[in-house]
Amino acid sequence: MPRLTRDAQGTPGILAANAREAWAGVGWLHGRHRPLQALLLGAAGRGRLSELLAPLAPLLALDALSSRLDLPARGA
């Protein structure tokens, strides 16, 4: 069974005896973090990051880009 670690910044790592265990650890980490990524990417694609998270300049810029590229309509 792989051992999952985190460094001082919270970045995950995997210690495994072989490649199969390492990939099992990667799969577990991916499954653990994927829901947040999916929510953020969906909000970004709809141009709603600043509305849902915070009205910060970088998020407003991403929302404006999503609108300019017409991502919600292209996604539909």
PDB file of N, CA and C in Angstrom:
ATOM      1  N   MET A   1       0.840  -1.173   0.000  1.00  0.00           N
ATOM      2  CA  MET A   1       0.000   0.000   0.000  1.00  0.00           C
ATOM      3  C   MET A   1       0.889   1.242   0.000  1.00  0.00           C
ATOM      4  N   PRO A   2       0.608   2.227  -0.851  1.00  0.00           N
ATOM      5  CA  PRO A   2       1.446   3.425  -0.885  1.00  0.00           C
ATOM      6  C   PRO A   2       1.242   4.286   0.357  1.00  0.00           C
ATOM      7  N   ARG A   3       2.266   5.040   0.676  1.00  0.00           N
ATOM      8  CA  ARG A   3       2.164   5.986   1.791  1.00  0.00           C
ATOM      9  C   ARG A   3       2.074   7.386   1.203  1.00  0.00           C
ATOM     10  N   LEU A   4       1.050   8.120   1.601  1.00  0.00           N
ATOM     11  CA  LEU A   4       0.849   9.471   1.111  1.00  0.00           C
ATOM     12  C   LEU A   4       1.447  10.451   2.108  1.00  0.00           C
ATOM     13  N   THR A   5       2.167  11.431   1.597  1.00  0.00           N
ATOM     14  CA  THR A   5       2.837  12.421   2.442  1.00  0.00           C
ATOM     15  C   THR A   5       2.450  13.821   1.981  1.00  0.00           C
ATOM     16  N   ARG A   6       2.778  14.793   2.775  1.00  0.00           N
ATOM     17  CA  ARG A   6       2.608  16.203   2.403  1.00  0.00           C
ATOM     18  C   ARG A   6       3.831  16.958   2.892  1.00  0.00           C
ATOM     19  N   ASP A   7       4.303  17.886   2.060  1.00  0.00           N
ATOM     20  CA  ASP A   7       5.440  18.699   2.485  1.00  0.00           C
ATOM     21  C   ASP A   7       4.945  19.907   3.280  1.00  0.00           C
ATOM     22  N   ALA A   8       5.837  20.820   3.628  1.00  0.00           N
ATOM     23  CA  ALA A   8       5.491  21.973   4.457  1.00  0.00           C
ATOM     24  C   ALA A   8       4.445  22.876   3.804  1.00  0.00           C
ATOM     25  N   GLN A   9       4.382  22.885   2.476  1.00  0.00           N
ATOM     26  CA  GLN A   9       3.404  23.702   1.755  1.00  0.00           C
ATOM     27  C   GLN A   9       2.097  22.956   1.489  1.00  0.00           C
ATOM     28  N   GLY A  10       2.020  21.709   1.915  1.00  0.00           N
ATOM     29  CA  GLY A  10       0.809  20.927   1.714  1.00  0.00           C
ATOM     30  C   GLY A  10       0.756  20.168   0.403  1.00  0.00           C
ATOM     31  N   THR A  11       1.842  20.183  -0.370  1.00  0.00           N
ATOM     32  CA  THR A  11       1.885  19.452  -1.635  1.00  0.00           C
ATOM     33  C   THR A  11       1.985  17.958  -1.356  1.00  0.00           C
ATOM     34  N   PRO A  12       1.097  17.171  -1.959  1.00  0.00           N
ATOM     35  CA  PRO A  12       1.119  15.741  -1.673  1.00  0.00           C
ATOM     36  C   PRO A  12       2.263  15.018  -2.380  1.00  0.00           C
ATOM     37  N   GLY A  13       2.686  13.927  -1.764  1.00  0.00           N
ATOM     38  CA  GLY A  13       3.688  13.047  -2.346  1.00  0.00           C
ATOM     39  C   GLY A  13       3.276  11.605  -2.109  1.00  0.00           C
ATOM     40  N   ILE A  14       3.910  10.694  -2.833  1.00  0.00           N
ATOM     41  CA  ILE A  14       3.574   9.274  -2.723  1.00  0.00           C
ATOM     42  C   ILE A  14       4.864   8.480  -2.573  1.00  0.00           C
ATOM     43  N   LEU A  15       4.898   7.643  -1.554  1.00  0.00           N
ATOM     44  CA  LEU A  15       6.001   6.699  -1.376  1.00  0.00           C
ATOM     45  C   LEU A  15       5.433   5.314  -1.628  1.00  0.00           C
ATOM     46  N   ALA A  16       5.982   4.612  -2.621  1.00  0.00           N
ATOM     47  CA  ALA A  16       5.440   3.312  -3.000  1.00  0.00           C
ATOM     48  C   ALA A  16       6.561   2.329  -3.286  1.00  0.00           C
ATOM     49  N   ALA A  17       6.244   1.053  -3.118  1.00  0.00           N
ATOM     50  CA  ALA A  17       7.217  -0.012  -3.361  1.00  0.00           C
ATOM     51  C   ALA A  17       7.366  -0.319  -4.847  1.00  0.00           C
ATOM     52  N   ASN A  18       6.344   0.014  -5.644  1.00  0.00           N
ATOM     53  CA  ASN A  18       6.408  -0.288  -7.067  1.00  0.00           C
ATOM     54  C   ASN A  18       5.480   0.662  -7.832  1.00  0.00           C
ATOM     55  N   ALA A  19       5.513   0.555  -9.143  1.00  0.00           N
ATOM     56  CA  ALA A  19       4.723   1.455  -9.991  1.00  0.00           C
ATOM     57  C   ALA A  19       3.225   1.277  -9.768  1.00  0.00           C
ATOM     58  N   ARG A  20       2.799   0.053  -9.562  1.00  0.00           N
ATOM     59  CA  ARG A  20       1.360  -0.190  -9.356  1.00  0.00           C
ATOM     60  C   ARG A  20       0.850   0.544  -8.111  1.00  0.00           C
ATOM     61  N   GLU A  21       1.594   0.457  -7.027  1.00  0.00           N
ATOM     62  CA  GLU A  21       1.213   1.173  -5.812  1.00  0.00           C
ATOM     63  C   GLU A  21       1.263   2.679  -6.019  1.00  0.00           C
ATOM     64  N   ALA A  22       2.269   3.141  -6.741  1.00  0.00           N
ATOM     65  CA  ALA A  22       2.387   4.581  -6.996  1.00  0.00           C
ATOM     66  C   ALA A  22       1.176   5.091  -7.774  1.00  0.00           C
ATOM     67  N   TRP A  23       0.772   4.361  -8.803  1.00  0.00           N
ATOM     68  CA  TRP A  23      -0.396   4.787  -9.588  1.00  0.00           C
ATOM     69  C   TRP A  23      -1.685   4.706  -8.777  1.00  0.00           C
ATOM     70  N   ALA A  24      -1.768   3.746  -7.862  1.00  0.00           N
ATOM     71  CA  ALA A  24      -2.929   3.689  -6.972  1.00  0.00           C
ATOM     72  C   ALA A  24      -2.975   4.941  -6.099  1.00  0.00           C
ATOM     73  N   GLY A  25      -1.823   5.383  -5.623  1.00  0.00           N
ATOM     74  CA  GLY A  25      -1.760   6.608  -4.832  1.00  0.00           C
ATOM     75  C   GLY A  25      -2.134   7.835  -5.643  1.00  0.00           C
ATOM     76  N   VAL A  26      -1.677   7.885  -6.885  1.00  0.00           N
ATOM     77  CA  VAL A  26      -2.040   8.997  -7.769  1.00  0.00           C
ATOM     78  C   VAL A  26      -3.550   9.016  -7.977  1.00  0.00           C
ATOM     79  N   GLY A  27      -4.149   7.851  -8.185  1.00  0.00           N
ATOM     80  CA  GLY A  27      -5.601   7.769  -8.372  1.00  0.00           C
ATOM     81  C   GLY A  27      -6.357   8.238  -7.150  1.00  0.00           C
ATOM     82  N   TRP A  28      -5.889   7.852  -5.973  1.00  0.00           N
ATOM     83  CA  TRP A  28      -6.553   8.283  -4.746  1.00  0.00           C
ATOM     84  C   TRP A  28      -6.468   9.800  -4.593  1.00  0.00           C
ATOM     85  N   LEU A  29      -5.265  10.353  -4.816  1.00  0.00           N
ATOM     86  CA  LEU A  29      -5.099  11.807  -4.702  1.00  0.00           C
ATOM     87  C   LEU A  29      -5.965  12.541  -5.724  1.00  0.00           C
ATOM     88  N   HIS A  30      -6.004  12.030  -6.927  1.00  0.00           N
ATOM     89  CA  HIS A  30      -6.819  12.660  -7.970  1.00  0.00           C
ATOM     90  C   HIS A  30      -8.292  12.658  -7.558  1.00  0.00           C
ATOM     91  N   GLY A  31      -8.774  11.531  -7.076  1.00  0.00           N
ATOM     92  CA  GLY A  31     -10.163  11.440  -6.639  1.00  0.00           C
ATOM     93  C   GLY A  31     -10.468  12.359  -5.470  1.00  0.00           C
ATOM     94  N   ARG A  32      -9.501  12.541  -4.615  1.00  0.00           N
ATOM     95  CA  ARG A  32      -9.684  13.396  -3.430  1.00  0.00           C
ATOM     96  C   ARG A  32      -9.775  14.878  -3.805  1.00  0.00           C
ATOM     97  N   HIS A  33      -9.012  15.300  -4.805  1.00  0.00           N
ATOM     98  CA  HIS A  33      -8.938  16.724  -5.159  1.00  0.00           C
ATOM     99  C   HIS A  33      -9.764  17.096  -6.381  1.00  0.00           C
ATOM    100  N   ARG A  34     -10.237  16.153  -7.121  1.00  0.00           N
ATOM    101  CA  ARG A  34     -10.964  16.415  -8.363  1.00  0.00           C
ATOM    102  C   ARG A  34     -12.263  17.188  -8.179  1.00  0.00           C
ATOM    103  N   PRO A  35     -13.071  16.933  -7.152  1.00  0.00           N
ATOM    104  CA  PRO A  35     -14.334  17.684  -7.036  1.00  0.00           C
ATOM    105  C   PRO A  35     -14.137  19.196  -6.960  1.00  0.00           C
ATOM    106  N   LEU A  36     -13.155  19.660  -6.210  1.00  0.00           N
ATOM    107  CA  LEU A  36     -12.905  21.099  -6.134  1.00  0.00           C
ATOM    108  C   LEU A  36     -12.468  21.639  -7.490  1.00  0.00           C
ATOM    109  N   GLN A  37     -11.587  20.918  -8.162  1.00  0.00           N
ATOM    110  CA  GLN A  37     -11.136  21.343  -9.485  1.00  0.00           C
ATOM    111  C   GLN A  37     -12.316  21.444 -10.443  1.00  0.00           C
ATOM    112  N   ALA A  38     -13.205  20.476 -10.417  1.00  0.00           N
ATOM    113  CA  ALA A  38     -14.359  20.487 -11.310  1.00  0.00           C
ATOM    114  C   ALA A  38     -15.265  21.688 -11.022  1.00  0.00           C
ATOM    115  N   LEU A  39     -15.483  21.992  -9.754  1.00  0.00           N
ATOM    116  CA  LEU A  39     -16.308  23.156  -9.400  1.00  0.00           C
ATOM    117  C   LEU A  39     -15.676  24.457  -9.879  1.00  0.00           C
ATOM    118  N   LEU A  40     -14.370  24.598  -9.673  1.00  0.00           N
ATOM    119  CA  LEU A  40     -13.687  25.826 -10.083  1.00  0.00           C
ATOM    120  C   LEU A  40     -13.648  25.982 -11.600  1.00  0.00           C
ATOM    121  N   LEU A  41     -13.381  24.900 -12.320  1.00  0.00           N
ATOM    122  CA  LEU A  41     -13.352  24.983 -13.780  1.00  0.00           C
ATOM    123  C   LEU A  41     -14.728  25.286 -14.350  1.00  0.00           C
ATOM    124  N   GLY A  42     -15.770  24.696 -13.750  1.00  0.00           N
ATOM    125  CA  GLY A  42     -17.127  24.992 -14.196  1.00  0.00           C
ATOM    126  C   GLY A  42     -17.485  26.451 -13.979  1.00  0.00           C
ATOM    127  N   ALA A  43     -17.145  26.983 -12.807  1.00  0.00           N
ATOM    128  CA  ALA A  43     -17.424  28.397 -12.517  1.00  0.00           C
ATOM    129  C   ALA A  43     -16.631  29.299 -13.459  1.00  0.00           C
ATOM    130  N   ALA A  44     -15.391  28.933 -13.749  1.00  0.00           N
ATOM    131  CA  ALA A  44     -14.579  29.732 -14.666  1.00  0.00           C
ATOM    132  C   ALA A  44     -15.174  29.712 -16.066  1.00  0.00           C
ATOM    133  N   GLY A  45     -15.612  28.551 -16.522  1.00  0.00           N
ATOM    134  CA  GLY A  45     -16.191  28.441 -17.857  1.00  0.00           C
ATOM    135  C   GLY A  45     -17.493  29.213 -18.007  1.00  0.00           C
ATOM    136  N   ARG A  46     -18.232  29.349 -16.922  1.00  0.00           N
ATOM    137  CA  ARG A  46     -19.481  30.116 -16.954  1.00  0.00           C
ATOM    138  C   ARG A  46     -19.261  31.597 -16.680  1.00  0.00           C
ATOM    139  N   GLY A  47     -18.009  31.983 -16.378  1.00  0.00           N
ATOM    140  CA  GLY A  47     -17.708  33.381 -16.093  1.00  0.00           C
ATOM    141  C   GLY A  47     -18.264  33.841 -14.764  1.00  0.00           C
ATOM    142  N   ARG A  48     -18.229  32.959 -13.750  1.00  0.00           N
ATOM    143  CA  ARG A  48     -18.840  33.281 -12.458  1.00  0.00           C
ATOM    144  C   ARG A  48     -17.865  33.172 -11.281  1.00  0.00           C
ATOM    145  N   LEU A  49     -16.556  33.150 -11.562  1.00  0.00           N
ATOM    146  CA  LEU A  49     -15.596  33.010 -10.470  1.00  0.00           C
ATOM    147  C   LEU A  49     -15.687  34.164  -9.476  1.00  0.00           C
ATOM    148  N   SER A  50     -15.695  35.400  -9.979  1.00  0.00           N
ATOM    149  CA  SER A  50     -15.720  36.547  -9.070  1.00  0.00           C
ATOM    150  C   SER A  50     -17.037  36.619  -8.302  1.00  0.00           C
ATOM    151  N   GLU A  51     -18.114  36.165  -8.906  1.00  0.00           N
ATOM    152  CA  GLU A  51     -19.415  36.152  -8.231  1.00  0.00           C
ATOM    153  C   GLU A  51     -19.440  35.124  -7.107  1.00  0.00           C
ATOM    154  N   LEU A  52     -18.887  33.944  -7.359  1.00  0.00           N
ATOM    155  CA  LEU A  52     -18.971  32.856  -6.396  1.00  0.00           C
ATOM    156  C   LEU A  52     -17.862  32.872  -5.343  1.00  0.00           C
ATOM    157  N   LEU A  53     -16.682  33.403  -5.711  1.00  0.00           N
ATOM    158  CA  LEU A  53     -15.557  33.377  -4.771  1.00  0.00           C
ATOM    159  C   LEU A  53     -15.307  34.730  -4.114  1.00  0.00           C
ATOM    160  N   ALA A  54     -14.922  35.702  -4.926  1.00  0.00           N
ATOM    161  CA  ALA A  54     -14.618  37.044  -4.403  1.00  0.00           C
ATOM    162  C   ALA A  54     -14.460  37.989  -5.582  1.00  0.00           C
ATOM    163  N   PRO A  55     -14.875  39.234  -5.435  1.00  0.00           N
ATOM    164  CA  PRO A  55     -14.757  40.198  -6.539  1.00  0.00           C
ATOM    165  C   PRO A  55     -13.331  40.762  -6.656  1.00  0.00           C
ATOM    166  N   LEU A  56     -12.388  39.894  -6.923  1.00  0.00           N
ATOM    167  CA  LEU A  56     -10.983  40.286  -7.059  1.00  0.00           C
ATOM    168  C   LEU A  56     -10.643  40.534  -8.521  1.00  0.00           C
ATOM    169  N   ALA A  57      -9.721  41.446  -8.767  1.00  0.00           N
ATOM    170  CA  ALA A  57      -9.357  41.820 -10.136  1.00  0.00           C
ATOM    171  C   ALA A  57      -8.966  40.622 -11.012  1.00  0.00           C
ATOM    172  N   PRO A  58      -8.122  39.698 -10.541  1.00  0.00           N
ATOM    173  CA  PRO A  58      -7.765  38.571 -11.414  1.00  0.00           C
ATOM    174  C   PRO A  58      -8.973  37.700 -11.780  1.00  0.00           C
ATOM    175  N   LEU A  59      -9.896  37.512 -10.835  1.00  0.00           N
ATOM    176  CA  LEU A  59     -11.083  36.709 -11.126  1.00  0.00           C
ATOM    177  C   LEU A  59     -12.025  37.452 -12.061  1.00  0.00           C
ATOM    178  N   LEU A  60     -12.152  38.765 -11.878  1.00  0.00           N
ATOM    179  CA  LEU A  60     -12.965  39.569 -12.794  1.00  0.00           C
ATOM    180  C   LEU A  60     -12.400  39.493 -14.208  1.00  0.00           C
ATOM    181  N   ALA A  61     -11.069  39.506 -14.329  1.00  0.00           N
ATOM    182  CA  ALA A  61     -10.435  39.409 -15.647  1.00  0.00           C
ATOM    183  C   ALA A  61     -10.728  38.053 -16.294  1.00  0.00           C
ATOM    184  N   LEU A  62     -10.690  36.974 -15.514  1.00  0.00           N
ATOM    185  CA  LEU A  62     -11.014  35.654 -16.065  1.00  0.00           C
ATOM    186  C   LEU A  62     -12.478  35.575 -16.481  1.00  0.00           C
ATOM    187  N   ASP A  63     -13.355  36.163 -15.680  1.00  0.00           N
ATOM    188  CA  ASP A  63     -14.774  36.180 -16.034  1.00  0.00           C
ATOM    189  C   ASP A  63     -15.004  36.957 -17.331  1.00  0.00           C
ATOM    190  N   ALA A  64     -14.316  38.080 -17.476  1.00  0.00           N
ATOM    191  CA  ALA A  64     -14.446  38.879 -18.696  1.00  0.00           C
ATOM    192  C   ALA A  64     -13.930  38.097 -19.906  1.00  0.00           C
ATOM    193  N   LEU A  65     -12.838  37.376 -19.742  1.00  0.00           N
ATOM    194  CA  LEU A  65     -12.300  36.562 -20.835  1.00  0.00           C
ATOM    195  C   LEU A  65     -13.289  35.476 -21.227  1.00  0.00           C
ATOM    196  N   SER A  66     -13.888  34.840 -20.240  1.00  0.00           N
ATOM    197  CA  SER A  66     -14.898  33.819 -20.523  1.00  0.00           C
ATOM    198  C   SER A  66     -16.043  34.402 -21.335  1.00  0.00           C
ATOM    199  N   SER A  67     -16.437  35.606 -20.980  1.00  0.00           N
ATOM    200  CA  SER A  67     -17.524  36.273 -21.713  1.00  0.00           C
ATOM    201  C   SER A  67     -17.096  36.622 -23.135  1.00  0.00           C
ATOM    202  N   ARG A  68     -15.892  37.172 -23.281  1.00  0.00           N
ATOM    203  CA  ARG A  68     -15.394  37.540 -24.625  1.00  0.00           C
ATOM    204  C   ARG A  68     -15.292  36.331 -25.530  1.00  0.00           C
ATOM    205  N   LEU A  69     -14.873  35.211 -24.975  1.00  0.00           N
ATOM    206  CA  LEU A  69     -14.727  33.973 -25.755  1.00  0.00           C
ATOM    207  C   LEU A  69     -16.062  33.239 -25.923  1.00  0.00           C
ATOM    208  N   ASP A  70     -17.093  33.740 -25.260  1.00  0.00           N
ATOM    209  CA  ASP A  70     -18.432  33.153 -25.312  1.00  0.00           C
ATOM    210  C   ASP A  70     -18.422  31.676 -24.896  1.00  0.00           C
ATOM    211  N   LEU A  71     -17.662  31.390 -23.826  1.00  0.00           N
ATOM    212  CA  LEU A  71     -17.516  30.009 -23.391  1.00  0.00           C
ATOM    213  C   LEU A  71     -18.830  29.353 -22.960  1.00  0.00           C
ATOM    214  N   PRO A  72     -19.722  30.055 -22.234  1.00  0.00           N
ATOM    215  CA  PRO A  72     -20.961  29.372 -21.865  1.00  0.00           C
ATOM    216  C   PRO A  72     -21.756  28.883 -23.083  1.00  0.00           C
ATOM    217  N   ALA A  73     -21.846  29.707 -24.125  1.00  0.00           N
ATOM    218  CA  ALA A  73     -22.602  29.291 -25.322  1.00  0.00           C
ATOM    219  C   ALA A  73     -21.860  28.165 -26.062  1.00  0.00           C
ATOM    220  N   ARG A  74     -20.533  28.258 -26.101  1.00  0.00           N
ATOM    221  CA  ARG A  74     -19.777  27.195 -26.782  1.00  0.00           C
ATOM    222  C   ARG A  74     -19.893  25.878 -26.039  1.00  0.00           C
ATOM    223  N   GLY A  75     -19.987  25.954 -24.706  1.00  0.00           N
ATOM    224  CA  GLY A  75     -20.127  24.742 -23.906  1.00  0.00           C
ATOM    225  C   GLY A  75     -21.480  24.080 -24.079  1.00  0.00           C
ATOM    226  N   ALA A  76     -22.485  24.919 -24.340  1.00  0.00           N
ATOM    227  CA  ALA A  76     -23.827  24.379 -24.513  1.00  0.00           C
ATOM    228  C   ALA A  76     -23.900  23.641 -25.831  1.00  0.00           C
TER     229      ALA A  76
END
